[in-house]
């Protein structure tokens, strides 16, 4: 019985010592030389009982160079016209001075494969 108590006490003391040690703070990687950085990206998929569904994608991307502008100057969304409809709610660009530029829906192009 004494050995069980001693083992339990030593496990508690060891775990308390480990708990007290905090990990070193992680430093954020340097992305200043990247063409673009994904600030936020999410995808939500919902399926309904009737077989239909909705996929919602959102992203915030910081463009940091001309190469980033070339990469995201034209957004391409793949989908099957046989069983999917594509609806783009909005595309916004926030300029360096904070101005928000809304991309008009007339700028969208739909190409058949």
PDB file of N, CA and C in Angstrom:
ATOM      1  N   UNK A   1       0.815  -1.181   0.000  1.00  0.00           N
ATOM      2  CA  UNK A   1       0.000   0.000   0.000  1.00  0.00           C
ATOM      3  C   UNK A   1       0.865   1.254   0.000  1.00  0.00           C
ATOM      4  N   UNK A   2       1.941   1.209   0.786  1.00  0.00           N
ATOM      5  CA  UNK A   2       2.838   2.350   0.848  1.00  0.00           C
ATOM      6  C   UNK A   2       3.436   2.637  -0.530  1.00  0.00           C
ATOM      7  N   UNK A   3       3.784   1.598  -1.286  1.00  0.00           N
ATOM      8  CA  UNK A   3       4.379   1.799  -2.604  1.00  0.00           C
ATOM      9  C   UNK A   3       3.363   2.428  -3.566  1.00  0.00           C
ATOM     10  N   UNK A   4       2.081   2.076  -3.428  1.00  0.00           N
ATOM     11  CA  UNK A   4       1.056   2.700  -4.275  1.00  0.00           C
ATOM     12  C   UNK A   4       0.917   4.175  -3.965  1.00  0.00           C
ATOM     13  N   UNK A   5       0.941   4.520  -2.686  1.00  0.00           N
ATOM     14  CA  UNK A   5       0.835   5.926  -2.295  1.00  0.00           C
ATOM     15  C   UNK A   5       2.060   6.685  -2.779  1.00  0.00           C
ATOM     16  N   UNK A   6       3.233   6.124  -2.594  1.00  0.00           N
ATOM     17  CA  UNK A   6       4.460   6.783  -3.027  1.00  0.00           C
ATOM     18  C   UNK A   6       4.469   6.944  -4.543  1.00  0.00           C
ATOM     19  N   UNK A   7       4.007   5.930  -5.249  1.00  0.00           N
ATOM     20  CA  UNK A   7       3.956   6.028  -6.710  1.00  0.00           C
ATOM     21  C   UNK A   7       2.955   7.090  -7.139  1.00  0.00           C
ATOM     22  N   UNK A   8       1.818   7.155  -6.471  1.00  0.00           N
ATOM     23  CA  UNK A   8       0.807   8.144  -6.814  1.00  0.00           C
ATOM     24  C   UNK A   8       1.310   9.555  -6.553  1.00  0.00           C
ATOM     25  N   UNK A   9       1.973   9.745  -5.410  1.00  0.00           N
ATOM     26  CA  UNK A   9       2.507  11.068  -5.073  1.00  0.00           C
ATOM     27  C   UNK A   9       3.580  11.472  -6.072  1.00  0.00           C
ATOM     28  N   UNK A  10       4.468  10.556  -6.430  1.00  0.00           N
ATOM     29  CA  UNK A  10       5.521  10.908  -7.380  1.00  0.00           C
ATOM     30  C   UNK A  10       4.938  11.206  -8.764  1.00  0.00           C
ATOM     31  N   UNK A  11       3.884  10.489  -9.175  1.00  0.00           N
ATOM     32  CA  UNK A  11       3.249  10.784 -10.459  1.00  0.00           C
ATOM     33  C   UNK A  11       2.605  12.155 -10.417  1.00  0.00           C
ATOM     34  N   UNK A  12       1.947  12.491  -9.312  1.00  0.00           N
ATOM     35  CA  UNK A  12       1.328  13.812  -9.186  1.00  0.00           C
ATOM     36  C   UNK A  12       2.369  14.916  -9.203  1.00  0.00           C
ATOM     37  N   UNK A  13       3.484  14.719  -8.482  1.00  0.00           N
ATOM     38  CA  UNK A  13       4.538  15.737  -8.474  1.00  0.00           C
ATOM     39  C   UNK A  13       5.164  15.894  -9.854  1.00  0.00           C
ATOM     40  N   UNK A  14       5.385  14.776 -10.540  1.00  0.00           N
ATOM     41  CA  UNK A  14       5.972  14.832 -11.872  1.00  0.00           C
ATOM     42  C   UNK A  14       5.036  15.535 -12.840  1.00  0.00           C
ATOM     43  N   UNK A  15       3.744  15.215 -12.764  1.00  0.00           N
ATOM     44  CA  UNK A  15       2.803  15.863 -13.677  1.00  0.00           C
ATOM     45  C   UNK A  15       2.674  17.350 -13.360  1.00  0.00           C
ATOM     46  N   UNK A  16       2.767  17.727 -12.071  1.00  0.00           N
ATOM     47  CA  UNK A  16       2.722  19.142 -11.712  1.00  0.00           C
ATOM     48  C   UNK A  16       3.937  19.875 -12.259  1.00  0.00           C
ATOM     49  N   UNK A  17       5.094  19.226 -12.216  1.00  0.00           N
ATOM     50  CA  UNK A  17       6.303  19.851 -12.766  1.00  0.00           C
ATOM     51  C   UNK A  17       6.188  20.029 -14.275  1.00  0.00           C
ATOM     52  N   UNK A  18       5.659  19.013 -14.950  1.00  0.00           N
ATOM     53  CA  UNK A  18       5.502  19.117 -16.397  1.00  0.00           C
ATOM     54  C   UNK A  18       4.456  20.155 -16.765  1.00  0.00           C
ATOM     55  N   UNK A  19       3.397  20.239 -15.957  1.00  0.00           N
ATOM     56  CA  UNK A  19       2.332  21.213 -16.227  1.00  0.00           C
ATOM     57  C   UNK A  19       2.857  22.634 -16.064  1.00  0.00           C
ATOM     58  N   UNK A  20       3.776  22.826 -15.114  1.00  0.00           N
ATOM     59  CA  UNK A  20       4.305  24.158 -14.847  1.00  0.00           C
ATOM     60  C   UNK A  20       5.205  24.643 -15.973  1.00  0.00           C
ATOM     61  N   UNK A  21       5.787  23.723 -16.723  1.00  0.00           N
ATOM     62  CA  UNK A  21       6.647  24.129 -17.826  1.00  0.00           C
ATOM     63  C   UNK A  21       5.780  24.570 -18.989  1.00  0.00           C
ATOM     64  N   UNK A  22       5.999  25.763 -19.425  1.00  0.00           N
ATOM     65  CA  UNK A  22       5.222  26.254 -20.560  1.00  0.00           C
ATOM     66  C   UNK A  22       6.065  26.130 -21.824  1.00  0.00           C
ATOM     67  N   UNK A  23       5.424  25.781 -22.926  1.00  0.00           N
ATOM     68  CA  UNK A  23       6.191  25.668 -24.168  1.00  0.00           C
ATOM     69  C   UNK A  23       6.661  27.044 -24.630  1.00  0.00           C
ATOM     70  N   UNK A  24       7.755  27.046 -25.328  1.00  0.00           N
ATOM     71  CA  UNK A  24       8.267  28.319 -25.825  1.00  0.00           C
ATOM     72  C   UNK A  24       7.276  28.889 -26.837  1.00  0.00           C
ATOM     73  N   UNK A  25       7.089  30.192 -26.823  1.00  0.00           N
ATOM     74  CA  UNK A  25       6.117  30.785 -27.738  1.00  0.00           C
ATOM     75  C   UNK A  25       6.535  30.584 -29.196  1.00  0.00           C
ATOM     76  N   UNK A  26       5.576  30.151 -29.998  1.00  0.00           N
ATOM     77  CA  UNK A  26       5.872  29.906 -31.415  1.00  0.00           C
ATOM     78  C   UNK A  26       5.962  31.243 -32.138  1.00  0.00           C
ATOM     79  N   UNK A  27       6.978  31.381 -32.924  1.00  0.00           N
ATOM     80  CA  UNK A  27       7.117  32.608 -33.700  1.00  0.00           C
ATOM     81  C   UNK A  27       6.444  32.413 -35.046  1.00  0.00           C
ATOM     82  N   UNK A  28       5.774  33.442 -35.505  1.00  0.00           N
ATOM     83  CA  UNK A  28       5.086  33.386 -36.789  1.00  0.00           C
ATOM     84  C   UNK A  28       6.124  33.362 -37.909  1.00  0.00           C
ATOM     85  N   UNK A  29       5.882  32.585 -38.939  1.00  0.00           N
ATOM     86  CA  UNK A  29       6.845  32.550 -40.047  1.00  0.00           C
ATOM     87  C   UNK A  29       6.879  33.893 -40.769  1.00  0.00           C
ATOM     88  N   UNK A  30       8.011  34.195 -41.326  1.00  0.00           N
ATOM     89  CA  UNK A  30       8.173  35.441 -42.076  1.00  0.00           C
ATOM     90  C   UNK A  30       7.575  35.258 -43.469  1.00  0.00           C
ATOM     91  N   UNK A  31       6.468  35.920 -43.735  1.00  0.00           N
ATOM     92  CA  UNK A  31       5.787  35.815 -45.033  1.00  0.00           C
ATOM     93  C   UNK A  31       5.943  37.080 -45.862  1.00  0.00           C
ATOM     94  N   UNK A  32       6.855  37.947 -45.471  1.00  0.00           N
ATOM     95  CA  UNK A  32       6.988  39.232 -46.163  1.00  0.00           C
ATOM     96  C   UNK A  32       7.463  39.076 -47.607  1.00  0.00           C
ATOM     97  N   UNK A  33       8.131  37.982 -47.935  1.00  0.00           N
ATOM     98  CA  UNK A  33       8.640  37.784 -49.288  1.00  0.00           C
ATOM     99  C   UNK A  33       7.709  36.931 -50.150  1.00  0.00           C
ATOM    100  N   UNK A  34       6.570  36.512 -49.607  1.00  0.00           N
ATOM    101  CA  UNK A  34       5.622  35.694 -50.358  1.00  0.00           C
ATOM    102  C   UNK A  34       4.789  36.559 -51.291  1.00  0.00           C
ATOM    103  N   UNK A  35       4.368  35.987 -52.415  1.00  0.00           N
ATOM    104  CA  UNK A  35       3.540  36.719 -53.374  1.00  0.00           C
ATOM    105  C   UNK A  35       2.145  36.962 -52.814  1.00  0.00           C
ATOM    106  N   UNK A  36       1.623  36.001 -52.059  1.00  0.00           N
ATOM    107  CA  UNK A  36       0.312  36.147 -51.431  1.00  0.00           C
ATOM    108  C   UNK A  36       0.271  35.293 -50.176  1.00  0.00           C
ATOM    109  N   UNK A  37      -0.622  35.648 -49.266  1.00  0.00           N
ATOM    110  CA  UNK A  37      -0.775  34.929 -48.005  1.00  0.00           C
ATOM    111  C   UNK A  37      -2.264  34.744 -47.748  1.00  0.00           C
ATOM    112  N   UNK A  38      -2.687  33.509 -47.474  1.00  0.00           N
ATOM    113  CA  UNK A  38      -4.065  33.252 -47.082  1.00  0.00           C
ATOM    114  C   UNK A  38      -4.227  33.673 -45.626  1.00  0.00           C
ATOM    115  N   UNK A  39      -5.007  34.703 -45.393  1.00  0.00           N
ATOM    116  CA  UNK A  39      -5.263  35.182 -44.042  1.00  0.00           C
ATOM    117  C   UNK A  39      -6.351  34.341 -43.397  1.00  0.00           C
ATOM    118  N   UNK A  40      -7.353  33.994 -44.184  1.00  0.00           N
ATOM    119  CA  UNK A  40      -8.481  33.196 -43.697  1.00  0.00           C
ATOM    120  C   UNK A  40      -9.026  32.395 -44.865  1.00  0.00           C
ATOM    121  N   UNK A  41      -9.391  31.138 -44.613  1.00  0.00           N
ATOM    122  CA  UNK A  41     -10.019  30.316 -45.640  1.00  0.00           C
ATOM    123  C   UNK A  41     -10.940  29.333 -44.955  1.00  0.00           C
ATOM    124  N   UNK A  42     -12.174  29.221 -45.449  1.00  0.00           N
ATOM    125  CA  UNK A  42     -13.107  28.253 -44.875  1.00  0.00           C
ATOM    126  C   UNK A  42     -14.016  27.708 -45.959  1.00  0.00           C
ATOM    127  N   UNK A  43     -14.537  26.525 -45.707  1.00  0.00           N
ATOM    128  CA  UNK A  43     -15.497  25.902 -46.610  1.00  0.00           C
ATOM    129  C   UNK A  43     -16.556  25.221 -45.748  1.00  0.00           C
ATOM    130  N   UNK A  44     -17.808  25.556 -46.008  1.00  0.00           N
ATOM    131  CA  UNK A  44     -18.938  24.971 -45.291  1.00  0.00           C
ATOM    132  C   UNK A  44     -19.792  24.236 -46.307  1.00  0.00           C
ATOM    133  N   UNK A  45     -20.088  22.968 -46.036  1.00  0.00           N
ATOM    134  CA  UNK A  45     -20.893  22.151 -46.943  1.00  0.00           C
ATOM    135  C   UNK A  45     -22.118  21.684 -46.178  1.00  0.00           C
ATOM    136  N   UNK A  46     -23.301  21.877 -46.788  1.00  0.00           N
ATOM    137  CA  UNK A  46     -24.554  21.443 -46.162  1.00  0.00           C
ATOM    138  C   UNK A  46     -25.318  20.572 -47.147  1.00  0.00           C
ATOM    139  N   UNK A  47     -25.772  19.415 -46.705  1.00  0.00           N
ATOM    140  CA  UNK A  47     -26.578  18.522 -47.530  1.00  0.00           C
ATOM    141  C   UNK A  47     -27.987  18.465 -46.952  1.00  0.00           C
ATOM    142  N   UNK A  48     -28.990  18.595 -47.815  1.00  0.00           N
ATOM    143  CA  UNK A  48     -30.385  18.539 -47.397  1.00  0.00           C
ATOM    144  C   UNK A  48     -30.961  17.160 -47.675  1.00  0.00           C
ATOM    145  N   UNK A  49     -32.104  16.849 -47.051  1.00  0.00           N
ATOM    146  CA  UNK A  49     -32.741  15.541 -47.199  1.00  0.00           C
ATOM    147  C   UNK A  49     -33.223  15.274 -48.625  1.00  0.00           C
ATOM    148  N   UNK A  50     -33.490  16.321 -49.392  1.00  0.00           N
ATOM    149  CA  UNK A  50     -33.971  16.122 -50.765  1.00  0.00           C
ATOM    150  C   UNK A  50     -32.846  15.840 -51.752  1.00  0.00           C
ATOM    151  N   UNK A  51     -31.614  15.720 -51.271  1.00  0.00           N
ATOM    152  CA  UNK A  51     -30.487  15.415 -52.145  1.00  0.00           C
ATOM    153  C   UNK A  51     -29.721  16.640 -52.606  1.00  0.00           C
ATOM    154  N   UNK A  52     -30.248  17.817 -52.342  1.00  0.00           N
ATOM    155  CA  UNK A  52     -29.546  19.035 -52.736  1.00  0.00           C
ATOM    156  C   UNK A  52     -28.530  19.403 -51.655  1.00  0.00           C
ATOM    157  N   UNK A  53     -27.710  20.358 -51.972  1.00  0.00           N
ATOM    158  CA  UNK A  53     -26.704  20.793 -51.015  1.00  0.00           C
ATOM    159  C   UNK A  53     -26.140  22.138 -51.395  1.00  0.00           C
ATOM    160  N   UNK A  54     -25.418  22.713 -50.474  1.00  0.00           N
ATOM    161  CA  UNK A  54     -24.793  24.022 -50.676  1.00  0.00           C
ATOM    162  C   UNK A  54     -23.359  23.937 -50.188  1.00  0.00           C
ATOM    163  N   UNK A  55     -22.446  24.468 -50.980  1.00  0.00           N
ATOM    164  CA  UNK A  55     -21.037  24.576 -50.591  1.00  0.00           C
ATOM    165  C   UNK A  55     -20.694  26.060 -50.582  1.00  0.00           C
ATOM    166  N   UNK A  56     -20.236  26.533 -49.437  1.00  0.00           N
ATOM    167  CA  UNK A  56     -19.912  27.954 -49.303  1.00  0.00           C
ATOM    168  C   UNK A  56     -18.430  28.090 -48.993  1.00  0.00           C
ATOM    169  N   UNK A  57     -17.726  28.816 -49.835  1.00  0.00           N
ATOM    170  CA  UNK A  57     -16.289  29.038 -49.636  1.00  0.00           C
ATOM    171  C   UNK A  57     -16.042  30.522 -49.409  1.00  0.00           C
ATOM    172  N   UNK A  58     -15.230  30.821 -48.430  1.00  0.00           N
ATOM    173  CA  UNK A  58     -14.812  32.198 -48.187  1.00  0.00           C
ATOM    174  C   UNK A  58     -13.302  32.199 -47.979  1.00  0.00           C
ATOM    175  N   UNK A  59     -12.690  33.285 -48.387  1.00  0.00           N
ATOM    176  CA  UNK A  59     -11.246  33.420 -48.208  1.00  0.00           C
ATOM    177  C   UNK A  59     -10.877  34.889 -48.149  1.00  0.00           C
ATOM    178  N   UNK A  60      -9.886  35.184 -47.362  1.00  0.00           N
ATOM    179  CA  UNK A  60      -9.261  36.502 -47.333  1.00  0.00           C
ATOM    180  C   UNK A  60      -7.801  36.278 -47.681  1.00  0.00           C
ATOM    181  N   UNK A  61      -7.352  36.910 -48.751  1.00  0.00           N
ATOM    182  CA  UNK A  61      -6.006  36.682 -49.266  1.00  0.00           C
ATOM    183  C   UNK A  61      -5.286  38.018 -49.350  1.00  0.00           C
ATOM    184  N   UNK A  62      -4.121  38.107 -48.742  1.00  0.00           N
ATOM    185  CA  UNK A  62      -3.325  39.327 -48.826  1.00  0.00           C
ATOM    186  C   UNK A  62      -2.364  39.188 -50.006  1.00  0.00           C
ATOM    187  N   UNK A  63      -2.540  40.050 -50.986  1.00  0.00           N
ATOM    188  CA  UNK A  63      -1.667  40.062 -52.170  1.00  0.00           C
ATOM    189  C   UNK A  63      -0.498  40.992 -51.861  1.00  0.00           C
ATOM    190  N   UNK A  64       0.727  40.481 -52.002  1.00  0.00           N
ATOM    191  CA  UNK A  64       1.898  41.247 -51.591  1.00  0.00           C
ATOM    192  C   UNK A  64       2.847  41.580 -52.726  1.00  0.00           C
ATOM    193  N   UNK A  65       2.560  41.127 -53.940  1.00  0.00           N
ATOM    194  CA  UNK A  65       3.457  41.438 -55.050  1.00  0.00           C
ATOM    195  C   UNK A  65       2.707  41.307 -56.365  1.00  0.00           C
ATOM    196  N   UNK A  66       3.373  41.665 -57.438  1.00  0.00           N
ATOM    197  CA  UNK A  66       2.779  41.547 -58.770  1.00  0.00           C
ATOM    198  C   UNK A  66       2.508  40.083 -59.118  1.00  0.00           C
ATOM    199  N   UNK A  67       3.338  39.181 -58.646  1.00  0.00           N
ATOM    200  CA  UNK A  67       3.099  37.748 -58.877  1.00  0.00           C
ATOM    201  C   UNK A  67       1.803  37.306 -58.208  1.00  0.00           C
ATOM    202  N   UNK A  68       1.486  37.859 -57.050  1.00  0.00           N
ATOM    203  CA  UNK A  68       0.220  37.565 -56.391  1.00  0.00           C
ATOM    204  C   UNK A  68      -0.959  38.100 -57.170  1.00  0.00           C
ATOM    205  N   UNK A  69      -0.797  39.262 -57.772  1.00  0.00           N
ATOM    206  CA  UNK A  69      -1.852  39.832 -58.618  1.00  0.00           C
ATOM    207  C   UNK A  69      -2.087  38.928 -59.826  1.00  0.00           C
ATOM    208  N   UNK A  70      -1.027  38.421 -60.407  1.00  0.00           N
ATOM    209  CA  UNK A  70      -1.179  37.516 -61.548  1.00  0.00           C
ATOM    210  C   UNK A  70      -1.834  36.203 -61.143  1.00  0.00           C
ATOM    211  N   UNK A  71      -1.535  35.715 -59.945  1.00  0.00           N
ATOM    212  CA  UNK A  71      -2.110  34.453 -59.488  1.00  0.00           C
ATOM    213  C   UNK A  71      -3.602  34.578 -59.198  1.00  0.00           C
ATOM    214  N   UNK A  72      -4.043  35.735 -58.698  1.00  0.00           N
ATOM    215  CA  UNK A  72      -5.438  35.905 -58.317  1.00  0.00           C
ATOM    216  C   UNK A  72      -6.156  36.976 -59.142  1.00  0.00           C
ATOM    217  N   UNK A  73      -5.569  37.373 -60.248  1.00  0.00           N
ATOM    218  CA  UNK A  73      -6.213  38.364 -61.116  1.00  0.00           C
ATOM    219  C   UNK A  73      -7.480  37.823 -61.749  1.00  0.00           C
ATOM    220  N   UNK A  74      -7.542  36.534 -61.960  1.00  0.00           N
ATOM    221  CA  UNK A  74      -8.743  35.878 -62.484  1.00  0.00           C
ATOM    222  C   UNK A  74      -9.008  34.656 -61.607  1.00  0.00           C
ATOM    223  N   UNK A  75     -10.175  34.647 -60.975  1.00  0.00           N
ATOM    224  CA  UNK A  75     -10.545  33.532 -60.106  1.00  0.00           C
ATOM    225  C   UNK A  75     -11.280  32.493 -60.921  1.00  0.00           C
ATOM    226  N   UNK A  76     -10.898  31.231 -60.763  1.00  0.00           N
ATOM    227  CA  UNK A  76     -11.510  30.138 -61.512  1.00  0.00           C
ATOM    228  C   UNK A  76     -12.163  29.188 -60.514  1.00  0.00           C
ATOM    229  N   UNK A  77     -13.461  28.932 -60.716  1.00  0.00           N
ATOM    230  CA  UNK A  77     -14.216  28.013 -59.865  1.00  0.00           C
ATOM    231  C   UNK A  77     -14.710  26.875 -60.737  1.00  0.00           C
ATOM    232  N   UNK A  78     -14.268  25.680 -60.463  1.00  0.00           N
ATOM    233  CA  UNK A  78     -14.704  24.514 -61.225  1.00  0.00           C
ATOM    234  C   UNK A  78     -15.984  23.937 -60.658  1.00  0.00           C
ATOM    235  N   UNK A  79     -16.898  23.572 -61.541  1.00  0.00           N
ATOM    236  CA  UNK A  79     -18.145  22.925 -61.132  1.00  0.00           C
ATOM    237  C   UNK A  79     -18.733  22.184 -62.316  1.00  0.00           C
ATOM    238  N   UNK A  80     -19.637  21.251 -62.038  1.00  0.00           N
ATOM    239  CA  UNK A  80     -20.271  20.457 -63.076  1.00  0.00           C
ATOM    240  C   UNK A  80     -21.619  21.088 -63.433  1.00  0.00           C
ATOM    241  N   UNK A  81     -21.763  21.517 -64.667  1.00  0.00           N
ATOM    242  CA  UNK A  81     -23.018  22.147 -65.086  1.00  0.00           C
ATOM    243  C   UNK A  81     -24.167  21.142 -65.146  1.00  0.00           C
ATOM    244  N   UNK A  82     -23.862  19.852 -65.158  1.00  0.00           N
ATOM    245  CA  UNK A  82     -24.906  18.833 -65.224  1.00  0.00           C
ATOM    246  C   UNK A  82     -25.720  18.766 -63.933  1.00  0.00           C
ATOM    247  N   UNK A  83     -25.072  18.977 -62.797  1.00  0.00           N
ATOM    248  CA  UNK A  83     -25.792  18.849 -61.536  1.00  0.00           C
ATOM    249  C   UNK A  83     -25.459  19.923 -60.507  1.00  0.00           C
ATOM    250  N   UNK A  84     -24.784  20.989 -60.916  1.00  0.00           N
ATOM    251  CA  UNK A  84     -24.441  22.064 -59.989  1.00  0.00           C
ATOM    252  C   UNK A  84     -24.749  23.418 -60.612  1.00  0.00           C
ATOM    253  N   UNK A  85     -25.080  24.360 -59.765  1.00  0.00           N
ATOM    254  CA  UNK A  85     -25.227  25.762 -60.153  1.00  0.00           C
ATOM    255  C   UNK A  85     -24.184  26.552 -59.395  1.00  0.00           C
ATOM    256  N   UNK A  86     -23.594  27.516 -60.067  1.00  0.00           N
ATOM    257  CA  UNK A  86     -22.584  28.358 -59.432  1.00  0.00           C
ATOM    258  C   UNK A  86     -23.177  29.739 -59.203  1.00  0.00           C
ATOM    259  N   UNK A  87     -23.113  30.200 -57.970  1.00  0.00           N
ATOM    260  CA  UNK A  87     -23.563  31.541 -57.629  1.00  0.00           C
ATOM    261  C   UNK A  87     -22.449  32.205 -56.839  1.00  0.00           C
ATOM    262  N   UNK A  88     -21.943  33.298 -57.350  1.00  0.00           N
ATOM    263  CA  UNK A  88     -20.896  34.051 -56.658  1.00  0.00           C
ATOM    264  C   UNK A  88     -21.571  35.245 -56.016  1.00  0.00           C
ATOM    265  N   UNK A  89     -21.588  35.269 -54.686  1.00  0.00           N
ATOM    266  CA  UNK A  89     -22.260  36.351 -53.972  1.00  0.00           C
ATOM    267  C   UNK A  89     -21.499  37.663 -54.107  1.00  0.00           C
ATOM    268  N   UNK A  90     -20.196  37.622 -53.933  1.00  0.00           N
ATOM    269  CA  UNK A  90     -19.414  38.848 -54.061  1.00  0.00           C
ATOM    270  C   UNK A  90     -17.932  38.525 -54.163  1.00  0.00           C
ATOM    271  N   UNK A  91     -17.212  39.441 -54.776  1.00  0.00           N
ATOM    272  CA  UNK A  91     -15.748  39.447 -54.775  1.00  0.00           C
ATOM    273  C   UNK A  91     -15.366  40.888 -54.483  1.00  0.00           C
ATOM    274  N   UNK A  92     -14.644  41.076 -53.411  1.00  0.00           N
ATOM    275  CA  UNK A  92     -14.242  42.426 -53.004  1.00  0.00           C
ATOM    276  C   UNK A  92     -12.725  42.510 -52.942  1.00  0.00           C
ATOM    277  N   UNK A  93     -12.230  43.696 -53.258  1.00  0.00           N
ATOM    278  CA  UNK A  93     -10.801  43.967 -53.161  1.00  0.00           C
ATOM    279  C   UNK A  93     -10.626  45.166 -52.245  1.00  0.00           C
ATOM    280  N   UNK A  94      -9.799  45.000 -51.226  1.00  0.00           N
ATOM    281  CA  UNK A  94      -9.483  46.117 -50.342  1.00  0.00           C
ATOM    282  C   UNK A  94      -8.090  46.613 -50.727  1.00  0.00           C
ATOM    283  N   UNK A  95      -8.016  47.835 -51.152  1.00  0.00           N
ATOM    284  CA  UNK A  95      -6.743  48.398 -51.603  1.00  0.00           C
ATOM    285  C   UNK A  95      -5.855  48.719 -50.403  1.00  0.00           C
ATOM    286  N   UNK A  96      -4.612  49.066 -50.683  1.00  0.00           N
ATOM    287  CA  UNK A  96      -3.648  49.352 -49.619  1.00  0.00           C
ATOM    288  C   UNK A  96      -4.084  50.525 -48.755  1.00  0.00           C
ATOM    289  N   UNK A  97      -4.820  51.470 -49.334  1.00  0.00           N
ATOM    290  CA  UNK A  97      -5.273  52.616 -48.548  1.00  0.00           C
ATOM    291  C   UNK A  97      -6.602  52.359 -47.828  1.00  0.00           C
ATOM    292  N   UNK A  98      -7.128  51.131 -47.888  1.00  0.00           N
ATOM    293  CA  UNK A  98      -8.331  50.762 -47.162  1.00  0.00           C
ATOM    294  C   UNK A  98      -9.620  50.865 -47.950  1.00  0.00           C
ATOM    295  N   UNK A  99      -9.557  51.339 -49.166  1.00  0.00           N
ATOM    296  CA  UNK A  99     -10.757  51.471 -49.996  1.00  0.00           C
ATOM    297  C   UNK A  99     -11.210  50.080 -50.450  1.00  0.00           C
ATOM    298  N   UNK A 100     -12.541  49.836 -50.430  1.00  0.00           N
ATOM    299  CA  UNK A 100     -13.104  48.562 -50.854  1.00  0.00           C
ATOM    300  C   UNK A 100     -13.689  48.728 -52.253  1.00  0.00           C
ATOM    301  N   UNK A 101     -13.239  47.865 -53.169  1.00  0.00           N
ATOM    302  CA  UNK A 101     -13.713  47.888 -54.546  1.00  0.00           C
ATOM    303  C   UNK A 101     -14.517  46.611 -54.768  1.00  0.00           C
ATOM    304  N   UNK A 102     -15.791  46.755 -55.102  1.00  0.00           N
ATOM    305  CA  UNK A 102     -16.675  45.620 -55.353  1.00  0.00           C
ATOM    306  C   UNK A 102     -16.560  45.231 -56.824  1.00  0.00           C
ATOM    307  N   UNK A 103     -16.337  43.950 -57.087  1.00  0.00           N
ATOM    308  CA  UNK A 103     -16.274  43.461 -58.459  1.00  0.00           C
ATOM    309  C   UNK A 103     -17.707  43.259 -58.958  1.00  0.00           C
ATOM    310  N   UNK A 104     -18.081  43.859 -60.082  1.00  0.00           N
ATOM    311  CA  UNK A 104     -19.461  43.709 -60.562  1.00  0.00           C
ATOM    312  C   UNK A 104     -19.726  42.292 -61.075  1.00  0.00           C
ATOM    313  N   UNK A 105     -20.979  41.865 -60.960  1.00  0.00           N
ATOM    314  CA  UNK A 105     -21.368  40.531 -61.433  1.00  0.00           C
ATOM    315  C   UNK A 105     -21.190  40.403 -62.938  1.00  0.00           C
ATOM    316  N   UNK A 106     -21.219  41.509 -63.647  1.00  0.00           N
ATOM    317  CA  UNK A 106     -21.045  41.468 -65.105  1.00  0.00           C
ATOM    318  C   UNK A 106     -19.634  41.037 -65.491  1.00  0.00           C
ATOM    319  N   UNK A 107     -18.717  41.061 -64.559  1.00  0.00           N
ATOM    320  CA  UNK A 107     -17.343  40.643 -64.844  1.00  0.00           C
ATOM    321  C   UNK A 107     -17.164  39.135 -64.855  1.00  0.00           C
ATOM    322  N   UNK A 108     -18.193  38.386 -64.470  1.00  0.00           N
ATOM    323  CA  UNK A 108     -18.095  36.920 -64.427  1.00  0.00           C
ATOM    324  C   UNK A 108     -18.236  36.342 -65.826  1.00  0.00           C
ATOM    325  N   UNK A 109     -17.474  35.297 -66.101  1.00  0.00           N
ATOM    326  CA  UNK A 109     -17.520  34.600 -67.372  1.00  0.00           C
ATOM    327  C   UNK A 109     -17.718  33.112 -67.094  1.00  0.00           C
ATOM    328  N   UNK A 110     -18.611  32.472 -67.826  1.00  0.00           N
ATOM    329  CA  UNK A 110     -18.871  31.050 -67.648  1.00  0.00           C
ATOM    330  C   UNK A 110     -18.427  30.329 -68.921  1.00  0.00           C
ATOM    331  N   UNK A 111     -17.460  29.432 -68.771  1.00  0.00           N
ATOM    332  CA  UNK A 111     -16.933  28.689 -69.910  1.00  0.00           C
ATOM    333  C   UNK A 111     -17.311  27.225 -69.783  1.00  0.00           C
ATOM    334  N   UNK A 112     -17.782  26.637 -70.863  1.00  0.00           N
ATOM    335  CA  UNK A 112     -18.058  25.203 -70.884  1.00  0.00           C
ATOM    336  C   UNK A 112     -16.742  24.460 -71.089  1.00  0.00           C
ATOM    337  N   UNK A 113     -16.581  23.309 -70.451  1.00  0.00           N
ATOM    338  CA  UNK A 113     -15.334  22.548 -70.608  1.00  0.00           C
ATOM    339  C   UNK A 113     -15.193  21.982 -72.000  1.00  0.00           C
TER     340      UNK A 113
END
